[in-house]
PDB file of all heavy atoms in Angstrom:
ATOM      1  N   ARG A   1     147.197  78.204 252.731  1.00  0.00           N
ATOM      2  CA  ARG A   1     146.661  77.058 252.003  1.00  0.00           C
ATOM      3  C   ARG A   1     147.780  76.130 251.535  1.00  0.00           C
ATOM      4  O   ARG A   1     147.620  74.908 251.518  1.00  0.00           O
ATOM      5  CB  ARG A   1     145.846  77.539 250.805  1.00  0.00           C
ATOM      6  CG  ARG A   1     145.016  76.425 250.154  1.00  0.00           C
ATOM      7  CD  ARG A   1     143.941  76.998 249.273  1.00  0.00           C
ATOM      8  NE  ARG A   1     143.037  75.955 248.830  1.00  0.00           N
ATOM      9  CZ  ARG A   1     141.983  76.174 248.064  1.00  0.00           C
ATOM     10  NH1 ARG A   1     141.693  77.406 247.667  1.00  0.00           N
ATOM     11  NH2 ARG A   1     141.204  75.180 247.692  1.00  0.00           N
ATOM     12  N   LEU A   2     148.913  76.713 251.166  1.00  0.00           N
ATOM     13  CA  LEU A   2     150.063  75.910 250.754  1.00  0.00           C
ATOM     14  C   LEU A   2     150.518  75.003 251.892  1.00  0.00           C
ATOM     15  O   LEU A   2     150.844  73.833 251.670  1.00  0.00           O
ATOM     16  CB  LEU A   2     151.197  76.846 250.317  1.00  0.00           C
ATOM     17  CG  LEU A   2     152.521  76.179 249.922  1.00  0.00           C
ATOM     18  CD1 LEU A   2     152.317  75.253 248.727  1.00  0.00           C
ATOM     19  CD2 LEU A   2     153.571  77.240 249.609  1.00  0.00           C
ATOM     20  N   ALA A   3     150.553  75.526 253.116  1.00  0.00           N
ATOM     21  CA  ALA A   3     150.946  74.713 254.273  1.00  0.00           C
ATOM     22  C   ALA A   3     150.018  73.522 254.434  1.00  0.00           C
ATOM     23  O   ALA A   3     150.462  72.396 254.698  1.00  0.00           O
ATOM     24  CB  ALA A   3     150.953  75.568 255.536  1.00  0.00           C
ATOM     25  N   GLY A   4     148.716  73.760 254.264  1.00  0.00           N
ATOM     26  CA  GLY A   4     147.753  72.661 254.382  1.00  0.00           C
ATOM     27  C   GLY A   4     147.923  71.616 253.300  1.00  0.00           C
ATOM     28  O   GLY A   4     147.816  70.412 253.556  1.00  0.00           O
ATOM     29  N   ILE A   5     148.219  72.062 252.081  1.00  0.00           N
ATOM     30  CA  ILE A   5     148.400  71.120 250.970  1.00  0.00           C
ATOM     31  C   ILE A   5     149.671  70.306 251.160  1.00  0.00           C
ATOM     32  O   ILE A   5     149.691  69.088 250.927  1.00  0.00           O
ATOM     33  CB  ILE A   5     148.406  71.876 249.622  1.00  0.00           C
ATOM     34  CG1 ILE A   5     147.013  72.445 249.331  1.00  0.00           C
ATOM     35  CG2 ILE A   5     148.837  70.958 248.491  1.00  0.00           C
ATOM     36  CD1 ILE A   5     146.949  73.316 248.090  1.00  0.00           C
ATOM     37  N   LEU A   6     150.755  70.962 251.585  1.00  0.00           N
ATOM     38  CA  LEU A   6     151.997  70.241 251.850  1.00  0.00           C
ATOM     39  C   LEU A   6     151.778  69.158 252.899  1.00  0.00           C
ATOM     40  O   LEU A   6     152.258  68.020 252.748  1.00  0.00           O
ATOM     41  CB  LEU A   6     153.075  71.219 252.325  1.00  0.00           C
ATOM     42  CG  LEU A   6     153.691  72.145 251.270  1.00  0.00           C
ATOM     43  CD1 LEU A   6     154.484  73.256 251.931  1.00  0.00           C
ATOM     44  CD2 LEU A   6     154.567  71.361 250.299  1.00  0.00           C
ATOM     45  N   TRP A   7     151.075  69.513 253.961  1.00  0.00           N
ATOM     46  CA  TRP A   7     150.810  68.538 255.023  1.00  0.00           C
ATOM     47  C   TRP A   7     149.959  67.377 254.496  1.00  0.00           C
ATOM     48  O   TRP A   7     150.237  66.204 254.792  1.00  0.00           O
ATOM     49  CB  TRP A   7     150.094  69.215 256.185  1.00  0.00           C
ATOM     50  CG  TRP A   7     149.538  68.241 257.183  1.00  0.00           C
ATOM     51  CD1 TRP A   7     150.222  67.556 258.144  1.00  0.00           C
ATOM     52  CD2 TRP A   7     148.177  67.823 257.284  1.00  0.00           C
ATOM     53  NE1 TRP A   7     149.368  66.748 258.846  1.00  0.00           N
ATOM     54  CE2 TRP A   7     148.104  66.891 258.344  1.00  0.00           C
ATOM     55  CE3 TRP A   7     146.999  68.159 256.596  1.00  0.00           C
ATOM     56  CZ2 TRP A   7     146.907  66.288 258.729  1.00  0.00           C
ATOM     57  CZ3 TRP A   7     145.811  67.565 256.979  1.00  0.00           C
ATOM     58  CH2 TRP A   7     145.771  66.636 258.023  1.00  0.00           C
ATOM     59  N   ALA A   8     148.933  67.690 253.703  1.00  0.00           N
ATOM     60  CA  ALA A   8     148.047  66.642 253.177  1.00  0.00           C
ATOM     61  C   ALA A   8     148.782  65.691 252.235  1.00  0.00           C
ATOM     62  O   ALA A   8     148.568  64.480 252.256  1.00  0.00           O
ATOM     63  CB  ALA A   8     146.848  67.275 252.466  1.00  0.00           C
ATOM     64  N   MET A   9     149.669  66.231 251.406  1.00  0.00           N
ATOM     65  CA  MET A   9     150.469  65.391 250.516  1.00  0.00           C
ATOM     66  C   MET A   9     151.349  64.440 251.325  1.00  0.00           C
ATOM     67  O   MET A   9     151.472  63.256 250.998  1.00  0.00           O
ATOM     68  CB  MET A   9     151.331  66.261 249.611  1.00  0.00           C
ATOM     69  CG  MET A   9     150.568  67.025 248.551  1.00  0.00           C
ATOM     70  SD  MET A   9     151.582  68.301 247.744  1.00  0.00           S
ATOM     71  CE  MET A   9     152.959  67.331 247.150  1.00  0.00           C
ATOM     72  N   TRP A  10     151.948  64.959 252.378  1.00  0.00           N
ATOM     73  CA  TRP A  10     152.802  64.145 253.244  1.00  0.00           C
ATOM     74  C   TRP A  10     151.977  63.077 253.946  1.00  0.00           C
ATOM     75  O   TRP A  10     152.345  61.901 253.989  1.00  0.00           O
ATOM     76  CB  TRP A  10     153.480  65.066 254.248  1.00  0.00           C
ATOM     77  CG  TRP A  10     154.517  64.430 255.114  1.00  0.00           C
ATOM     78  CD1 TRP A  10     154.883  63.122 255.144  1.00  0.00           C
ATOM     79  CD2 TRP A  10     155.341  65.096 256.073  1.00  0.00           C
ATOM     80  NE1 TRP A  10     155.876  62.920 256.079  1.00  0.00           N
ATOM     81  CE2 TRP A  10     156.181  64.115 256.658  1.00  0.00           C
ATOM     82  CE3 TRP A  10     155.449  66.414 256.501  1.00  0.00           C
ATOM     83  CZ2 TRP A  10     157.104  64.426 257.655  1.00  0.00           C
ATOM     84  CZ3 TRP A  10     156.372  66.721 257.477  1.00  0.00           C
ATOM     85  CH2 TRP A  10     157.189  65.738 258.054  1.00  0.00           C
ATOM     86  N   ARG A  11     150.844  63.488 254.484  1.00  0.00           N
ATOM     87  CA  ARG A  11     149.972  62.559 255.205  1.00  0.00           C
ATOM     88  C   ARG A  11     149.526  61.396 254.328  1.00  0.00           C
ATOM     89  O   ARG A  11     149.519  60.239 254.759  1.00  0.00           O
ATOM     90  CB  ARG A  11     148.743  63.320 255.718  1.00  0.00           C
ATOM     91  CG  ARG A  11     147.673  62.455 256.372  1.00  0.00           C
ATOM     92  CD  ARG A  11     146.352  63.219 256.430  1.00  0.00           C
ATOM     93  NE  ARG A  11     145.852  63.508 255.090  1.00  0.00           N
ATOM     94  CZ  ARG A  11     144.828  64.313 254.847  1.00  0.00           C
ATOM     95  NH1 ARG A  11     144.223  64.935 255.839  1.00  0.00           N
ATOM     96  NH2 ARG A  11     144.412  64.510 253.596  1.00  0.00           N
ATOM     97  N   ASP A  12     149.176  61.698 253.078  1.00  0.00           N
ATOM     98  CA  ASP A  12     148.601  60.684 252.191  1.00  0.00           C
ATOM     99  C   ASP A  12     149.612  60.052 251.260  1.00  0.00           C
ATOM    100  O   ASP A  12     149.273  59.148 250.501  1.00  0.00           O
ATOM    101  CB  ASP A  12     147.475  61.307 251.359  1.00  0.00           C
ATOM    102  CG  ASP A  12     146.356  61.861 252.225  1.00  0.00           C
ATOM    103  OD1 ASP A  12     146.196  61.383 253.367  1.00  0.00           O
ATOM    104  OD2 ASP A  12     145.654  62.773 251.772  1.00  0.00           O
ATOM    105  N   GLY A  13     150.871  60.528 251.275  1.00  0.00           N
ATOM    106  CA  GLY A  13     151.883  59.958 250.401  1.00  0.00           C
ATOM    107  C   GLY A  13     151.633  60.232 248.940  1.00  0.00           C
ATOM    108  O   GLY A  13     151.948  59.406 248.078  1.00  0.00           O
ATOM    109  N   THR A  14     151.067  61.403 248.628  1.00  0.00           N
ATOM    110  CA  THR A  14     150.743  61.746 247.248  1.00  0.00           C
ATOM    111  C   THR A  14     151.659  62.840 246.717  1.00  0.00           C
ATOM    112  O   THR A  14     152.258  63.587 247.491  1.00  0.00           O
ATOM    113  CB  THR A  14     149.288  62.242 247.131  1.00  0.00           C
ATOM    114  OG1 THR A  14     149.099  63.355 248.012  1.00  0.00           O
ATOM    115  CG2 THR A  14     148.318  61.146 247.499  1.00  0.00           C
ATOM    116  N   VAL A  15     151.760  62.941 245.414  1.00  0.00           N
ATOM    117  CA  VAL A  15     152.433  64.068 244.781  1.00  0.00           C
ATOM    118  C   VAL A  15     151.383  65.105 244.427  1.00  0.00           C
ATOM    119  O   VAL A  15     150.176  64.851 244.524  1.00  0.00           O
ATOM    120  CB  VAL A  15     153.207  63.621 243.514  1.00  0.00           C
ATOM    121  CG1 VAL A  15     154.345  62.698 243.880  1.00  0.00           C
ATOM    122  CG2 VAL A  15     152.270  62.942 242.505  1.00  0.00           C
ATOM    123  N   TYR A  16     151.827  66.283 244.023  1.00  0.00           N
ATOM    124  CA  TYR A  16     150.882  67.372 243.759  1.00  0.00           C
ATOM    125  C   TYR A  16     150.058  67.078 242.518  1.00  0.00           C
ATOM    126  O   TYR A  16     150.596  66.770 241.453  1.00  0.00           O
ATOM    127  CB  TYR A  16     151.628  68.685 243.585  1.00  0.00           C
ATOM    128  CG  TYR A  16     150.724  69.878 243.405  1.00  0.00           C
ATOM    129  CD1 TYR A  16     149.891  70.293 244.438  1.00  0.00           C
ATOM    130  CD2 TYR A  16     150.703  70.582 242.208  1.00  0.00           C
ATOM    131  CE1 TYR A  16     149.063  71.384 244.286  1.00  0.00           C
ATOM    132  CE2 TYR A  16     149.880  71.682 242.047  1.00  0.00           C
ATOM    133  CZ  TYR A  16     149.059  72.080 243.081  1.00  0.00           C
ATOM    134  OH  TYR A  16     148.240  73.173 242.911  1.00  0.00           O
ATOM    135  N   ASP A  17     148.779  67.196 242.665  1.00  0.00           N
ATOM    136  CA  ASP A  17     147.836  66.997 241.567  1.00  0.00           C
ATOM    137  C   ASP A  17     146.948  68.235 241.526  1.00  0.00           C
ATOM    138  O   ASP A  17     146.109  68.436 242.402  1.00  0.00           O
ATOM    139  CB  ASP A  17     146.997  65.735 241.806  1.00  0.00           C
ATOM    140  CG  ASP A  17     146.084  65.418 240.632  1.00  0.00           C
ATOM    141  OD1 ASP A  17     145.729  66.343 239.891  1.00  0.00           O
ATOM    142  OD2 ASP A  17     145.728  64.238 240.468  1.00  0.00           O
ATOM    143  N   ALA A  18     147.144  69.064 240.506  1.00  0.00           N
ATOM    144  CA  ALA A  18     146.411  70.329 240.443  1.00  0.00           C
ATOM    145  C   ALA A  18     144.903  70.105 240.422  1.00  0.00           C
ATOM    146  O   ALA A  18     144.147  70.852 241.044  1.00  0.00           O
ATOM    147  CB  ALA A  18     146.840  71.109 239.191  1.00  0.00           C
ATOM    148  N   ALA A  19     144.455  69.065 239.721  1.00  0.00           N
ATOM    149  CA  ALA A  19     143.023  68.818 239.632  1.00  0.00           C
ATOM    150  C   ALA A  19     142.426  68.488 240.998  1.00  0.00           C
ATOM    151  O   ALA A  19     141.347  68.946 241.361  1.00  0.00           O
ATOM    152  CB  ALA A  19     142.746  67.682 238.652  1.00  0.00           C
ATOM    153  N   MET A  20     143.170  67.685 241.786  1.00  0.00           N
ATOM    154  CA  MET A  20     142.664  67.320 243.103  1.00  0.00           C
ATOM    155  C   MET A  20     142.821  68.478 244.085  1.00  0.00           C
ATOM    156  O   MET A  20     142.003  68.661 244.975  1.00  0.00           O
ATOM    157  CB  MET A  20     143.404  66.094 243.626  1.00  0.00           C
ATOM    158  CG  MET A  20     143.197  64.839 242.795  1.00  0.00           C
ATOM    159  SD  MET A  20     141.452  64.427 242.499  1.00  0.00           S
ATOM    160  CE  MET A  20     140.851  64.187 244.171  1.00  0.00           C
ATOM    161  N   ALA A  21     143.870  69.282 243.919  1.00  0.00           N
ATOM    162  CA  ALA A  21     144.063  70.430 244.814  1.00  0.00           C
ATOM    163  C   ALA A  21     142.926  71.426 244.664  1.00  0.00           C
ATOM    164  O   ALA A  21     142.615  72.166 245.594  1.00  0.00           O
ATOM    165  CB  ALA A  21     145.394  71.102 244.526  1.00  0.00           C
ATOM    166  N   ALA A  22     142.306  71.449 243.492  1.00  0.00           N
ATOM    167  CA  ALA A  22     141.190  72.361 243.270  1.00  0.00           C
ATOM    168  C   ALA A  22     139.998  72.011 244.149  1.00  0.00           C
ATOM    169  O   ALA A  22     139.145  72.847 244.419  1.00  0.00           O
ATOM    170  CB  ALA A  22     140.769  72.331 241.802  1.00  0.00           C
ATOM    171  N   LYS A  23     139.939  70.764 244.613  1.00  0.00           N
ATOM    172  CA  LYS A  23     138.828  70.324 245.457  1.00  0.00           C
ATOM    173  C   LYS A  23     139.132  70.638 246.917  1.00  0.00           C
ATOM    174  O   LYS A  23     139.447  69.757 247.715  1.00  0.00           O
ATOM    175  CB  LYS A  23     138.580  68.829 245.268  1.00  0.00           C
ATOM    176  CG  LYS A  23     138.170  68.447 243.857  1.00  0.00           C
ATOM    177  CD  LYS A  23     137.917  66.958 243.776  1.00  0.00           C
ATOM    178  CE  LYS A  23     137.488  66.534 242.372  1.00  0.00           C
ATOM    179  NZ  LYS A  23     137.247  65.084 242.287  1.00  0.00           N
ATOM    180  N   SER A  24     139.089  71.907 247.257  1.00  0.00           N
ATOM    181  CA  SER A  24     139.264  72.405 248.625  1.00  0.00           C
ATOM    182  C   SER A  24     140.539  71.938 249.288  1.00  0.00           C
ATOM    183  O   SER A  24     140.529  71.520 250.437  1.00  0.00           O
ATOM    184  CB  SER A  24     138.053  72.023 249.496  1.00  0.00           C
ATOM    185  OG  SER A  24     137.931  70.625 249.634  1.00  0.00           O
ATOM    186  N   GLY A  25     141.650  71.986 248.544  1.00  0.00           N
ATOM    187  CA  GLY A  25     142.971  71.825 249.140  1.00  0.00           C
ATOM    188  C   GLY A  25     143.210  70.491 249.795  1.00  0.00           C
ATOM    189  O   GLY A  25     143.172  69.448 249.150  1.00  0.00           O
ATOM    190  N   ALA A  26     143.429  70.499 251.091  1.00  0.00           N
ATOM    191  CA  ALA A  26     143.849  69.295 251.809  1.00  0.00           C
ATOM    192  C   ALA A  26     142.813  68.190 251.728  1.00  0.00           C
ATOM    193  O   ALA A  26     143.138  67.017 251.581  1.00  0.00           O
ATOM    194  CB  ALA A  26     144.139  69.645 253.272  1.00  0.00           C
ATOM    195  N   ARG A  27     141.529  68.551 251.807  1.00  0.00           N
ATOM    196  CA  ARG A  27     140.496  67.512 251.755  1.00  0.00           C
ATOM    197  C   ARG A  27     140.457  66.857 250.381  1.00  0.00           C
ATOM    198  O   ARG A  27     140.197  65.658 250.257  1.00  0.00           O
ATOM    199  CB  ARG A  27     139.127  68.112 252.100  1.00  0.00           C
ATOM    200  CG  ARG A  27     139.007  68.522 253.555  1.00  0.00           C
ATOM    201  CD  ARG A  27     137.569  68.882 253.900  1.00  0.00           C
ATOM    202  NE  ARG A  27     137.110  70.040 253.134  1.00  0.00           N
ATOM    203  CZ  ARG A  27     137.323  71.304 253.496  1.00  0.00           C
ATOM    204  NH1 ARG A  27     138.013  71.556 254.583  1.00  0.00           N
ATOM    205  NH2 ARG A  27     136.873  72.294 252.769  1.00  0.00           N
ATOM    206  N   GLY A  28     140.717  67.656 249.325  1.00  0.00           N
ATOM    207  CA  GLY A  28     140.707  67.089 247.981  1.00  0.00           C
ATOM    208  C   GLY A  28     141.827  66.101 247.771  1.00  0.00           C
ATOM    209  O   GLY A  28     141.651  65.082 247.115  1.00  0.00           O
ATOM    210  N   LEU A  29     143.004  66.375 248.332  1.00  0.00           N
ATOM    211  CA  LEU A  29     144.143  65.495 248.130  1.00  0.00           C
ATOM    212  C   LEU A  29     143.930  64.137 248.766  1.00  0.00           C
ATOM    213  O   LEU A  29     144.464  63.141 248.318  1.00  0.00           O
ATOM    214  CB  LEU A  29     145.412  66.144 248.697  1.00  0.00           C
ATOM    215  CG  LEU A  29     145.947  67.325 247.875  1.00  0.00           C
ATOM    216  CD1 LEU A  29     147.108  67.973 248.609  1.00  0.00           C
ATOM    217  CD2 LEU A  29     146.390  66.857 246.500  1.00  0.00           C
ATOM    218  N   ARG A  30     143.163  64.088 249.842  1.00  0.00           N
ATOM    219  CA  ARG A  30     142.940  62.808 250.500  1.00  0.00           C
ATOM    220  C   ARG A  30     142.234  61.835 249.562  1.00  0.00           C
ATOM    221  O   ARG A  30     142.422  60.624 249.642  1.00  0.00           O
ATOM    222  CB  ARG A  30     142.117  63.005 251.773  1.00  0.00           C
ATOM    223  CG  ARG A  30     141.567  61.715 252.353  1.00  0.00           C
ATOM    224  CD  ARG A  30     141.330  61.835 253.839  1.00  0.00           C
ATOM    225  NE  ARG A  30     142.545  61.541 254.571  1.00  0.00           N
ATOM    226  CZ  ARG A  30     142.631  61.541 255.898  1.00  0.00           C
ATOM    227  NH1 ARG A  30     141.596  61.849 256.620  1.00  0.00           N
ATOM    228  NH2 ARG A  30     143.770  61.263 256.498  1.00  0.00           N
ATOM    229  N   ALA A  31     141.418  62.354 248.646  1.00  0.00           N
ATOM    230  CA  ALA A  31     140.670  61.494 247.742  1.00  0.00           C
ATOM    231  C   ALA A  31     141.474  61.083 246.512  1.00  0.00           C
ATOM    232  O   ALA A  31     140.999  60.348 245.670  1.00  0.00           O
ATOM    233  CB  ALA A  31     139.396  62.207 247.286  1.00  0.00           C
ATOM    234  N   ALA A  32     142.695  61.593 246.399  1.00  0.00           N
ATOM    235  CA  ALA A  32     143.491  61.332 245.200  1.00  0.00           C
ATOM    236  C   ALA A  32     143.900  59.870 245.120  1.00  0.00           C
ATOM    237  O   ALA A  32     144.443  59.313 246.054  1.00  0.00           O
ATOM    238  CB  ALA A  32     144.733  62.223 245.185  1.00  0.00           C
ATOM    239  N   ALA A  33     143.624  59.251 243.970  1.00  0.00           N
ATOM    240  CA  ALA A  33     144.075  57.878 243.725  1.00  0.00           C
ATOM    241  C   ALA A  33     145.108  57.956 242.614  1.00  0.00           C
ATOM    242  O   ALA A  33     144.774  58.003 241.434  1.00  0.00           O
ATOM    243  CB  ALA A  33     142.889  57.002 243.311  1.00  0.00           C
ATOM    244  N   GLN A  34     146.372  57.983 242.981  1.00  0.00           N
ATOM    245  CA  GLN A  34     147.423  58.231 242.011  1.00  0.00           C
ATOM    246  C   GLN A  34     148.100  56.931 241.601  1.00  0.00           C
ATOM    247  O   GLN A  34     148.432  56.105 242.439  1.00  0.00           O
ATOM    248  CB  GLN A  34     148.455  59.202 242.597  1.00  0.00           C
ATOM    249  CG  GLN A  34     147.863  60.573 242.898  1.00  0.00           C
ATOM    250  CD  GLN A  34     148.893  61.510 243.502  1.00  0.00           C
ATOM    251  OE1 GLN A  34     149.823  61.068 244.161  1.00  0.00           O
ATOM    252  NE2 GLN A  34     148.728  62.801 243.274  1.00  0.00           N
ATOM    253  N   SER A  35     148.325  56.828 240.330  1.00  0.00           N
ATOM    254  CA  SER A  35     148.988  55.644 239.808  1.00  0.00           C
ATOM    255  C   SER A  35     150.490  55.737 240.051  1.00  0.00           C
ATOM    256  O   SER A  35     151.041  56.808 240.300  1.00  0.00           O
ATOM    257  CB  SER A  35     148.719  55.512 238.314  1.00  0.00           C
ATOM    258  OG  SER A  35     149.346  56.571 237.611  1.00  0.00           O
ATOM    259  N   THR A  36     151.167  54.595 239.956  1.00  0.00           N
ATOM    260  CA  THR A  36     152.626  54.575 240.107  1.00  0.00           C
ATOM    261  C   THR A  36     153.281  55.423 239.040  1.00  0.00           C
ATOM    262  O   THR A  36     154.260  56.142 239.295  1.00  0.00           O
ATOM    263  CB  THR A  36     153.136  53.127 240.013  1.00  0.00           C
ATOM    264  OG1 THR A  36     152.480  52.344 241.010  1.00  0.00           O
ATOM    265  CG2 THR A  36     154.636  53.069 240.223  1.00  0.00           C
ATOM    266  N   GLU A  37     152.749  55.372 237.815  1.00  0.00           N
ATOM    267  CA  GLU A  37     153.324  56.136 236.716  1.00  0.00           C
ATOM    268  C   GLU A  37     153.179  57.638 236.965  1.00  0.00           C
ATOM    269  O   GLU A  37     154.090  58.422 236.692  1.00  0.00           O
ATOM    270  CB  GLU A  37     152.641  55.758 235.393  1.00  0.00           C
ATOM    271  CG  GLU A  37     152.917  54.343 234.917  1.00  0.00           C
ATOM    272  CD  GLU A  37     152.078  53.297 235.649  1.00  0.00           C
ATOM    273  OE1 GLU A  37     151.203  53.701 236.450  1.00  0.00           O
ATOM    274  OE2 GLU A  37     152.293  52.094 235.422  1.00  0.00           O
ATOM    275  N   GLN A  38     152.016  58.042 237.499  1.00  0.00           N
ATOM    276  CA  GLN A  38     151.778  59.448 237.773  1.00  0.00           C
ATOM    277  C   GLN A  38     152.742  59.975 238.831  1.00  0.00           C
ATOM    278  O   GLN A  38     153.319  61.047 238.683  1.00  0.00           O
ATOM    279  CB  GLN A  38     150.331  59.640 238.250  1.00  0.00           C
ATOM    280  CG  GLN A  38     149.954  61.085 238.509  1.00  0.00           C
ATOM    281  CD  GLN A  38     148.534  61.220 239.024  1.00  0.00           C
ATOM    282  OE1 GLN A  38     147.842  60.224 239.243  1.00  0.00           O
ATOM    283  NE2 GLN A  38     148.088  62.447 239.211  1.00  0.00           N
TER     284      GLN A  38
END
């Protein structure tokens, strides 16, 4: 699962967000809307 999350973060240009990672890993990260400050 870690491999999938690492790939999803790279694909989407996001940093790790525990709340979004809880939403089924890689698919959850795609929906992350992260602010510049975050």
